[in-house]
Amino acid sequence: MSSYVVRETFFRPTTEHAREQRTLPAALYNTIRQLLHHADGASVFVPIRSMQYLAVIDAEEIIFVDALGGYAYHDGEGGRLIRLAWRPFIGRDSLCDPVSCEMVYYFSGLQAVQARLLSEIGPVLNHVKHQQATQQSPASTVRILPFKPRSI
């Protein structure tokens, strides 16, 4: 089977709308770490089809983009705008302990989306983990750039 690299560009808005401290369930965080380990350092793209969102997991954070909107151009480069980001804090006493996480909102009105992501991403991650175990997937790289819109 031939392999190829998928390259995507995402823009991080320069201003945050809100930030909160939460915890990720241990099972969810453990699955995220397993997916990253299996990807050998590449990013893992996880489509959450029921919400039309895409989660992109890398070693430092999980970003979420709306697949139906938020496409932007900056300096001749196009990409999706990051809506939310989860930044887990490493450090816990047991694999069964939840993991502290900083959740960053880049747009207003996303608290309901955040709650739904927390409930829907677990089964999707388990499905992706099962797929990884049964087939070889392409390597992926991610570029996250600051997005500074021009003033009108």
N, C-alpha and C. Protein backbone atom coordinates (compact mmCIF):
# COMPACT_ATOMS: atom_id res chain seq x y z
N MET A 1 0.85 -1.18 0.00
CA MET A 1 0.00 0.00 0.00
C MET A 1 0.89 1.24 0.00
N SER A 2 0.62 2.18 -0.87
CA SER A 2 1.41 3.40 -0.91
C SER A 2 0.96 4.35 0.19
N SER A 3 1.88 5.20 0.60
CA SER A 3 1.54 6.17 1.63
C SER A 3 1.66 7.58 1.07
N TYR A 4 0.98 8.48 1.67
CA TYR A 4 1.03 9.87 1.28
C TYR A 4 0.80 10.74 2.50
N VAL A 5 1.09 12.01 2.35
CA VAL A 5 0.96 12.95 3.46
C VAL A 5 -0.18 13.91 3.15
N VAL A 6 -1.05 14.10 4.13
CA VAL A 6 -2.12 15.07 4.03
C VAL A 6 -1.65 16.33 4.73
N ARG A 7 -1.74 17.46 4.06
CA ARG A 7 -1.32 18.71 4.67
C ARG A 7 -2.51 19.66 4.74
N GLU A 8 -2.78 20.14 5.93
CA GLU A 8 -3.87 21.08 6.16
C GLU A 8 -3.32 22.30 6.89
N THR A 9 -3.97 23.44 6.66
CA THR A 9 -3.59 24.68 7.33
C THR A 9 -4.78 25.16 8.15
N PHE A 10 -4.49 25.57 9.38
CA PHE A 10 -5.52 26.09 10.26
C PHE A 10 -5.05 27.43 10.80
N PHE A 11 -5.98 28.35 10.96
CA PHE A 11 -5.67 29.66 11.51
C PHE A 11 -6.19 29.76 12.93
N ARG A 12 -5.33 30.24 13.83
CA ARG A 12 -5.73 30.49 15.20
C ARG A 12 -6.09 31.98 15.30
N PRO A 13 -7.34 32.31 15.63
CA PRO A 13 -7.69 33.72 15.80
C PRO A 13 -6.79 34.38 16.85
N THR A 14 -6.49 35.65 16.65
CA THR A 14 -5.56 36.33 17.55
C THR A 14 -6.17 36.62 18.92
N THR A 15 -7.49 36.66 19.00
CA THR A 15 -8.12 36.94 20.29
C THR A 15 -8.95 35.73 20.73
N GLU A 16 -8.95 35.51 22.03
CA GLU A 16 -9.76 34.45 22.61
C GLU A 16 -11.03 35.06 23.16
N HIS A 17 -12.10 34.32 23.06
CA HIS A 17 -13.36 34.79 23.64
C HIS A 17 -13.43 34.42 25.12
N ALA A 18 -13.03 33.19 25.46
CA ALA A 18 -13.08 32.74 26.86
C ALA A 18 -12.12 31.57 27.04
N ARG A 19 -11.86 31.28 28.31
CA ARG A 19 -10.98 30.18 28.68
C ARG A 19 -11.52 29.59 29.98
N GLU A 20 -11.52 28.27 30.08
CA GLU A 20 -11.98 27.65 31.31
C GLU A 20 -11.17 26.39 31.61
N GLN A 21 -11.12 26.06 32.90
CA GLN A 21 -10.44 24.85 33.35
C GLN A 21 -11.49 23.75 33.52
N ARG A 22 -11.24 22.61 32.92
CA ARG A 22 -12.12 21.45 33.04
C ARG A 22 -11.26 20.21 33.19
N THR A 23 -11.87 19.06 33.20
CA THR A 23 -11.12 17.81 33.20
C THR A 23 -11.63 16.94 32.06
N LEU A 24 -10.72 16.16 31.51
CA LEU A 24 -11.07 15.16 30.51
C LEU A 24 -11.11 13.81 31.22
N PRO A 25 -12.12 13.01 30.95
CA PRO A 25 -12.16 11.68 31.56
C PRO A 25 -10.90 10.88 31.19
N ALA A 26 -10.46 10.04 32.10
CA ALA A 26 -9.23 9.27 31.88
C ALA A 26 -9.32 8.43 30.61
N ALA A 27 -10.44 7.77 30.38
CA ALA A 27 -10.57 6.91 29.20
C ALA A 27 -10.42 7.72 27.90
N LEU A 28 -11.01 8.91 27.88
CA LEU A 28 -10.91 9.77 26.70
C LEU A 28 -9.46 10.21 26.47
N TYR A 29 -8.80 10.67 27.53
CA TYR A 29 -7.41 11.12 27.40
C TYR A 29 -6.50 9.96 27.01
N ASN A 30 -6.71 8.78 27.59
CA ASN A 30 -5.89 7.62 27.26
C ASN A 30 -6.04 7.24 25.79
N THR A 31 -7.25 7.32 25.26
CA THR A 31 -7.47 7.01 23.85
C THR A 31 -6.77 8.03 22.96
N ILE A 32 -6.82 9.30 23.34
CA ILE A 32 -6.12 10.34 22.59
C ILE A 32 -4.63 10.04 22.53
N ARG A 33 -4.04 9.69 23.67
CA ARG A 33 -2.60 9.38 23.72
C ARG A 33 -2.27 8.14 22.89
N GLN A 34 -3.15 7.13 22.90
CA GLN A 34 -2.91 5.94 22.11
C GLN A 34 -2.94 6.25 20.61
N LEU A 35 -3.89 7.08 20.20
CA LEU A 35 -3.96 7.47 18.79
C LEU A 35 -2.71 8.21 18.36
N LEU A 36 -2.23 9.12 19.19
CA LEU A 36 -1.01 9.85 18.87
C LEU A 36 0.19 8.92 18.80
N HIS A 37 0.27 8.00 19.73
CA HIS A 37 1.39 7.06 19.73
C HIS A 37 1.40 6.23 18.45
N HIS A 38 0.24 5.76 18.05
CA HIS A 38 0.14 4.95 16.84
C HIS A 38 0.47 5.76 15.58
N ALA A 39 0.23 7.07 15.64
CA ALA A 39 0.49 7.94 14.47
C ALA A 39 1.96 8.33 14.36
N ASP A 40 2.80 7.86 15.28
CA ASP A 40 4.25 8.14 15.23
C ASP A 40 4.58 9.62 15.12
N GLY A 41 3.94 10.44 15.94
CA GLY A 41 4.27 11.86 15.98
C GLY A 41 3.50 12.72 14.99
N ALA A 42 2.79 12.11 14.06
CA ALA A 42 1.98 12.89 13.12
C ALA A 42 0.68 13.30 13.81
N SER A 43 0.01 14.26 13.25
CA SER A 43 -1.29 14.68 13.78
C SER A 43 -2.35 13.65 13.39
N VAL A 44 -3.39 13.59 14.21
CA VAL A 44 -4.50 12.67 13.94
C VAL A 44 -5.73 13.51 13.63
N PHE A 45 -6.33 13.27 12.48
CA PHE A 45 -7.53 13.98 12.06
C PHE A 45 -8.74 13.11 12.40
N VAL A 46 -9.69 13.68 13.15
CA VAL A 46 -10.85 12.92 13.59
C VAL A 46 -12.12 13.67 13.19
N PRO A 47 -12.80 13.19 12.16
CA PRO A 47 -14.06 13.85 11.78
C PRO A 47 -15.18 13.46 12.74
N ILE A 48 -15.86 14.46 13.27
CA ILE A 48 -17.02 14.22 14.13
C ILE A 48 -18.23 14.56 13.25
N ARG A 49 -18.62 13.58 12.47
CA ARG A 49 -19.62 13.80 11.42
C ARG A 49 -20.97 14.26 11.95
N SER A 50 -21.38 13.77 13.10
CA SER A 50 -22.68 14.14 13.64
C SER A 50 -22.77 15.63 13.94
N MET A 51 -21.61 16.28 14.11
CA MET A 51 -21.59 17.72 14.42
C MET A 51 -21.01 18.54 13.27
N GLN A 52 -20.49 17.88 12.24
CA GLN A 52 -19.81 18.56 11.14
C GLN A 52 -18.60 19.34 11.65
N TYR A 53 -17.88 18.74 12.59
CA TYR A 53 -16.65 19.31 13.14
C TYR A 53 -15.49 18.37 12.83
N LEU A 54 -14.30 18.94 12.81
CA LEU A 54 -13.09 18.16 12.66
C LEU A 54 -12.22 18.42 13.86
N ALA A 55 -11.79 17.35 14.54
CA ALA A 55 -10.83 17.46 15.63
C ALA A 55 -9.47 17.10 15.07
N VAL A 56 -8.47 17.90 15.42
CA VAL A 56 -7.10 17.62 15.01
C VAL A 56 -6.28 17.49 16.28
N ILE A 57 -5.73 16.30 16.47
CA ILE A 57 -5.00 16.00 17.70
C ILE A 57 -3.51 16.04 17.40
N ASP A 58 -2.78 16.81 18.18
CA ASP A 58 -1.31 16.75 18.11
C ASP A 58 -0.79 16.61 19.54
N ALA A 59 0.50 16.64 19.70
CA ALA A 59 1.11 16.36 21.00
C ALA A 59 0.76 17.40 22.06
N GLU A 60 0.44 18.63 21.66
CA GLU A 60 0.21 19.70 22.63
C GLU A 60 -1.25 20.04 22.87
N GLU A 61 -2.10 19.83 21.87
CA GLU A 61 -3.49 20.24 22.01
C GLU A 61 -4.38 19.51 21.03
N ILE A 62 -5.68 19.67 21.23
CA ILE A 62 -6.68 19.20 20.30
C ILE A 62 -7.43 20.43 19.84
N ILE A 63 -7.43 20.67 18.53
CA ILE A 63 -8.17 21.81 18.01
C ILE A 63 -9.43 21.32 17.32
N PHE A 64 -10.42 22.19 17.26
CA PHE A 64 -11.68 21.86 16.63
C PHE A 64 -12.03 22.94 15.62
N VAL A 65 -12.39 22.51 14.41
CA VAL A 65 -12.81 23.43 13.36
C VAL A 65 -14.18 23.01 12.87
N ASP A 66 -14.96 23.98 12.46
CA ASP A 66 -16.28 23.74 11.91
C ASP A 66 -16.10 23.41 10.43
N ALA A 67 -16.50 22.22 10.03
CA ALA A 67 -16.31 21.80 8.65
C ALA A 67 -17.22 22.56 7.68
N LEU A 68 -18.26 23.21 8.20
CA LEU A 68 -19.19 23.92 7.33
C LEU A 68 -18.94 25.42 7.24
N GLY A 69 -17.98 25.91 7.97
CA GLY A 69 -17.76 27.35 7.93
C GLY A 69 -16.45 27.74 8.57
N GLY A 70 -16.10 28.99 8.40
CA GLY A 70 -14.89 29.48 9.01
C GLY A 70 -13.65 29.31 8.16
N TYR A 71 -13.80 29.32 6.83
CA TYR A 71 -12.63 29.25 5.95
C TYR A 71 -12.12 30.66 5.73
N ALA A 72 -10.82 30.84 5.77
CA ALA A 72 -10.25 32.18 5.65
C ALA A 72 -9.00 32.15 4.80
N TYR A 73 -8.63 33.32 4.29
CA TYR A 73 -7.39 33.50 3.54
C TYR A 73 -6.57 34.56 4.25
N HIS A 74 -5.26 34.33 4.31
CA HIS A 74 -4.35 35.30 4.90
C HIS A 74 -3.00 35.13 4.23
N ASP A 75 -2.48 36.22 3.69
CA ASP A 75 -1.18 36.20 2.99
C ASP A 75 -1.11 35.12 1.93
N GLY A 76 -2.20 34.97 1.16
CA GLY A 76 -2.21 34.02 0.07
C GLY A 76 -2.41 32.57 0.48
N GLU A 77 -2.63 32.32 1.73
CA GLU A 77 -2.82 30.95 2.23
C GLU A 77 -4.24 30.81 2.75
N GLY A 78 -4.88 29.72 2.40
CA GLY A 78 -6.23 29.45 2.87
C GLY A 78 -6.26 28.36 3.90
N GLY A 79 -7.21 28.45 4.81
CA GLY A 79 -7.35 27.42 5.83
C GLY A 79 -8.56 27.66 6.70
N ARG A 80 -8.85 26.71 7.53
CA ARG A 80 -10.00 26.79 8.43
C ARG A 80 -9.63 27.53 9.72
N LEU A 81 -10.61 28.20 10.28
CA LEU A 81 -10.43 28.91 11.55
C LEU A 81 -10.68 27.95 12.72
N ILE A 82 -9.81 27.97 13.68
CA ILE A 82 -9.97 27.16 14.89
C ILE A 82 -11.09 27.77 15.72
N ARG A 83 -12.05 26.95 16.12
CA ARG A 83 -13.16 27.41 16.95
C ARG A 83 -12.89 27.20 18.43
N LEU A 84 -12.36 26.02 18.76
CA LEU A 84 -12.10 25.63 20.14
C LEU A 84 -10.77 24.90 20.20
N ALA A 85 -10.15 24.91 21.37
CA ALA A 85 -8.93 24.13 21.58
C ALA A 85 -8.95 23.56 22.99
N TRP A 86 -8.50 22.32 23.11
CA TRP A 86 -8.31 21.69 24.42
C TRP A 86 -6.83 21.55 24.62
N ARG A 87 -6.35 22.01 25.75
CA ARG A 87 -4.94 21.91 26.09
C ARG A 87 -4.79 21.12 27.39
N PRO A 88 -4.64 19.80 27.27
CA PRO A 88 -4.51 18.98 28.49
C PRO A 88 -3.20 19.25 29.21
N PHE A 89 -3.26 19.19 30.54
CA PHE A 89 -2.07 19.32 31.36
C PHE A 89 -1.57 17.92 31.68
N ILE A 90 -0.31 17.70 31.42
CA ILE A 90 0.25 16.39 31.67
C ILE A 90 0.60 16.30 33.14
N GLY A 91 0.31 15.19 33.71
CA GLY A 91 0.62 14.97 35.12
C GLY A 91 -0.60 14.48 35.85
N ARG A 92 -0.53 13.24 36.25
CA ARG A 92 -1.59 12.64 37.06
C ARG A 92 -0.98 11.46 37.80
N ASP A 93 -1.61 11.06 38.86
CA ASP A 93 -1.06 10.00 39.70
C ASP A 93 -1.36 8.61 39.16
N SER A 94 -2.43 8.47 38.40
CA SER A 94 -2.86 7.16 37.92
C SER A 94 -3.44 7.29 36.52
N LEU A 95 -3.38 6.21 35.75
CA LEU A 95 -4.00 6.20 34.43
C LEU A 95 -5.51 6.29 34.50
N CYS A 96 -6.04 6.06 35.68
CA CYS A 96 -7.50 6.11 35.89
C CYS A 96 -7.99 7.49 36.32
N ASP A 97 -7.06 8.42 36.57
CA ASP A 97 -7.43 9.76 37.00
C ASP A 97 -7.79 10.64 35.81
N PRO A 98 -8.79 11.51 35.97
CA PRO A 98 -9.07 12.48 34.91
C PRO A 98 -7.88 13.43 34.75
N VAL A 99 -7.82 14.08 33.59
CA VAL A 99 -6.71 14.98 33.28
C VAL A 99 -7.23 16.40 33.22
N SER A 100 -6.57 17.30 33.94
CA SER A 100 -6.93 18.72 33.88
C SER A 100 -6.70 19.23 32.47
N CYS A 101 -7.58 20.11 32.06
CA CYS A 101 -7.52 20.60 30.68
C CYS A 101 -7.98 22.05 30.64
N GLU A 102 -7.27 22.84 29.86
CA GLU A 102 -7.68 24.22 29.62
C GLU A 102 -8.43 24.23 28.30
N MET A 103 -9.65 24.73 28.32
CA MET A 103 -10.47 24.79 27.12
C MET A 103 -10.57 26.24 26.68
N VAL A 104 -10.15 26.47 25.44
CA VAL A 104 -10.06 27.83 24.90
C VAL A 104 -11.14 28.00 23.84
N TYR A 105 -11.94 29.04 24.00
CA TYR A 105 -13.00 29.38 23.05
C TYR A 105 -12.52 30.57 22.22
N TYR A 106 -12.53 30.44 20.92
CA TYR A 106 -12.12 31.54 20.05
C TYR A 106 -13.30 32.34 19.51
N PHE A 107 -14.50 31.82 19.71
CA PHE A 107 -15.72 32.51 19.29
C PHE A 107 -16.74 32.42 20.40
N SER A 108 -17.71 33.34 20.42
CA SER A 108 -18.74 33.32 21.46
C SER A 108 -19.81 32.29 21.12
N GLY A 109 -20.55 31.91 22.14
CA GLY A 109 -21.69 31.02 21.94
C GLY A 109 -21.33 29.57 21.68
N LEU A 110 -20.17 29.12 22.11
CA LEU A 110 -19.75 27.75 21.82
C LEU A 110 -19.84 26.82 23.04
N GLN A 111 -20.44 27.26 24.13
CA GLN A 111 -20.52 26.41 25.31
C GLN A 111 -21.34 25.15 25.03
N ALA A 112 -22.43 25.27 24.29
CA ALA A 112 -23.24 24.09 23.96
C ALA A 112 -22.48 23.16 23.02
N VAL A 113 -21.73 23.72 22.09
CA VAL A 113 -20.90 22.92 21.18
C VAL A 113 -19.84 22.17 22.00
N GLN A 114 -19.23 22.87 22.95
CA GLN A 114 -18.21 22.26 23.81
C GLN A 114 -18.77 21.06 24.57
N ALA A 115 -19.94 21.23 25.16
CA ALA A 115 -20.57 20.14 25.92
C ALA A 115 -20.87 18.96 25.00
N ARG A 116 -21.34 19.25 23.82
CA ARG A 116 -21.65 18.17 22.88
C ARG A 116 -20.39 17.47 22.40
N LEU A 117 -19.31 18.24 22.17
CA LEU A 117 -18.04 17.63 21.77
C LEU A 117 -17.57 16.64 22.84
N LEU A 118 -17.66 17.03 24.09
CA LEU A 118 -17.24 16.16 25.18
C LEU A 118 -18.01 14.85 25.20
N SER A 119 -19.28 14.90 24.82
CA SER A 119 -20.08 13.67 24.85
C SER A 119 -19.93 12.84 23.58
N GLU A 120 -19.65 13.47 22.46
CA GLU A 120 -19.62 12.73 21.19
C GLU A 120 -18.24 12.29 20.73
N ILE A 121 -17.19 12.90 21.24
CA ILE A 121 -15.87 12.57 20.71
C ILE A 121 -15.38 11.19 21.17
N GLY A 122 -15.77 10.73 22.34
CA GLY A 122 -15.31 9.44 22.85
C GLY A 122 -15.60 8.27 21.91
N PRO A 123 -16.86 8.06 21.53
CA PRO A 123 -17.16 6.96 20.60
C PRO A 123 -16.47 7.12 19.24
N VAL A 124 -16.32 8.35 18.78
CA VAL A 124 -15.64 8.58 17.50
C VAL A 124 -14.16 8.20 17.62
N LEU A 125 -13.51 8.59 18.72
CA LEU A 125 -12.11 8.24 18.93
C LEU A 125 -11.93 6.73 19.02
N ASN A 126 -12.85 6.05 19.67
CA ASN A 126 -12.76 4.59 19.75
C ASN A 126 -12.88 3.96 18.37
N HIS A 127 -13.73 4.51 17.54
CA HIS A 127 -13.87 4.01 16.16
C HIS A 127 -12.58 4.23 15.38
N VAL A 128 -11.99 5.41 15.51
CA VAL A 128 -10.73 5.70 14.82
C VAL A 128 -9.62 4.78 15.33
N LYS A 129 -9.59 4.54 16.63
CA LYS A 129 -8.59 3.64 17.21
C LYS A 129 -8.74 2.24 16.63
N HIS A 130 -9.96 1.78 16.48
CA HIS A 130 -10.20 0.46 15.88
C HIS A 130 -9.74 0.44 14.42
N GLN A 131 -10.01 1.51 13.69
CA GLN A 131 -9.56 1.60 12.29
C GLN A 131 -8.04 1.59 12.20
N GLN A 132 -7.38 2.32 13.09
CA GLN A 132 -5.91 2.35 13.09
C GLN A 132 -5.34 0.96 13.31
N ALA A 133 -5.99 0.20 14.15
CA ALA A 133 -5.49 -1.14 14.46
C ALA A 133 -5.64 -2.08 13.26
N THR A 134 -6.59 -1.80 12.38
CA THR A 134 -6.85 -2.71 11.28
C THR A 134 -6.29 -2.26 9.94
N GLN A 135 -5.87 -1.03 9.82
CA GLN A 135 -5.35 -0.55 8.53
C GLN A 135 -4.31 0.53 8.72
N GLN A 136 -3.49 0.70 7.71
CA GLN A 136 -2.45 1.74 7.72
C GLN A 136 -3.05 3.01 7.15
N SER A 137 -2.93 4.13 7.87
CA SER A 137 -3.46 5.40 7.39
C SER A 137 -2.32 6.32 7.00
N PRO A 138 -2.60 7.33 6.14
CA PRO A 138 -1.54 8.24 5.69
C PRO A 138 -1.04 9.13 6.80
N ALA A 139 0.20 9.55 6.67
CA ALA A 139 0.77 10.51 7.62
C ALA A 139 0.12 11.86 7.41
N SER A 140 0.04 12.65 8.46
CA SER A 140 -0.61 13.96 8.39
C SER A 140 0.28 15.00 9.05
N THR A 141 0.30 16.18 8.47
CA THR A 141 0.99 17.30 9.09
C THR A 141 0.03 18.46 9.19
N VAL A 142 0.23 19.28 10.19
CA VAL A 142 -0.65 20.41 10.45
C VAL A 142 0.19 21.66 10.57
N ARG A 143 -0.31 22.75 10.01
CA ARG A 143 0.29 24.06 10.23
C ARG A 143 -0.78 24.94 10.84
N ILE A 144 -0.47 25.56 11.97
CA ILE A 144 -1.40 26.50 12.61
C ILE A 144 -0.75 27.87 12.56
N LEU A 145 -1.43 28.80 11.90
CA LEU A 145 -0.91 30.14 11.69
C LEU A 145 -1.80 31.16 12.40
N PRO A 146 -1.24 32.27 12.84
CA PRO A 146 -2.09 33.32 13.41
C PRO A 146 -2.90 33.97 12.29
N PHE A 147 -4.15 34.27 12.59
CA PHE A 147 -5.01 34.91 11.59
C PHE A 147 -5.28 36.34 12.04
N LYS A 148 -4.81 37.28 11.24
CA LYS A 148 -5.01 38.69 11.54
C LYS A 148 -5.80 39.31 10.40
N PRO A 149 -7.12 39.43 10.57
CA PRO A 149 -7.92 39.98 9.49
C PRO A 149 -7.57 41.45 9.23
N ARG A 150 -7.69 41.82 7.99
CA ARG A 150 -7.46 43.23 7.64
C ARG A 150 -8.60 44.07 8.13
N SER A 151 -8.28 45.25 8.63
CA SER A 151 -9.35 46.16 9.04
C SER A 151 -9.92 46.85 7.81
N ILE A 152 -11.21 47.00 7.86
CA ILE A 152 -11.91 47.58 6.69
C ILE A 152 -12.06 49.07 6.88
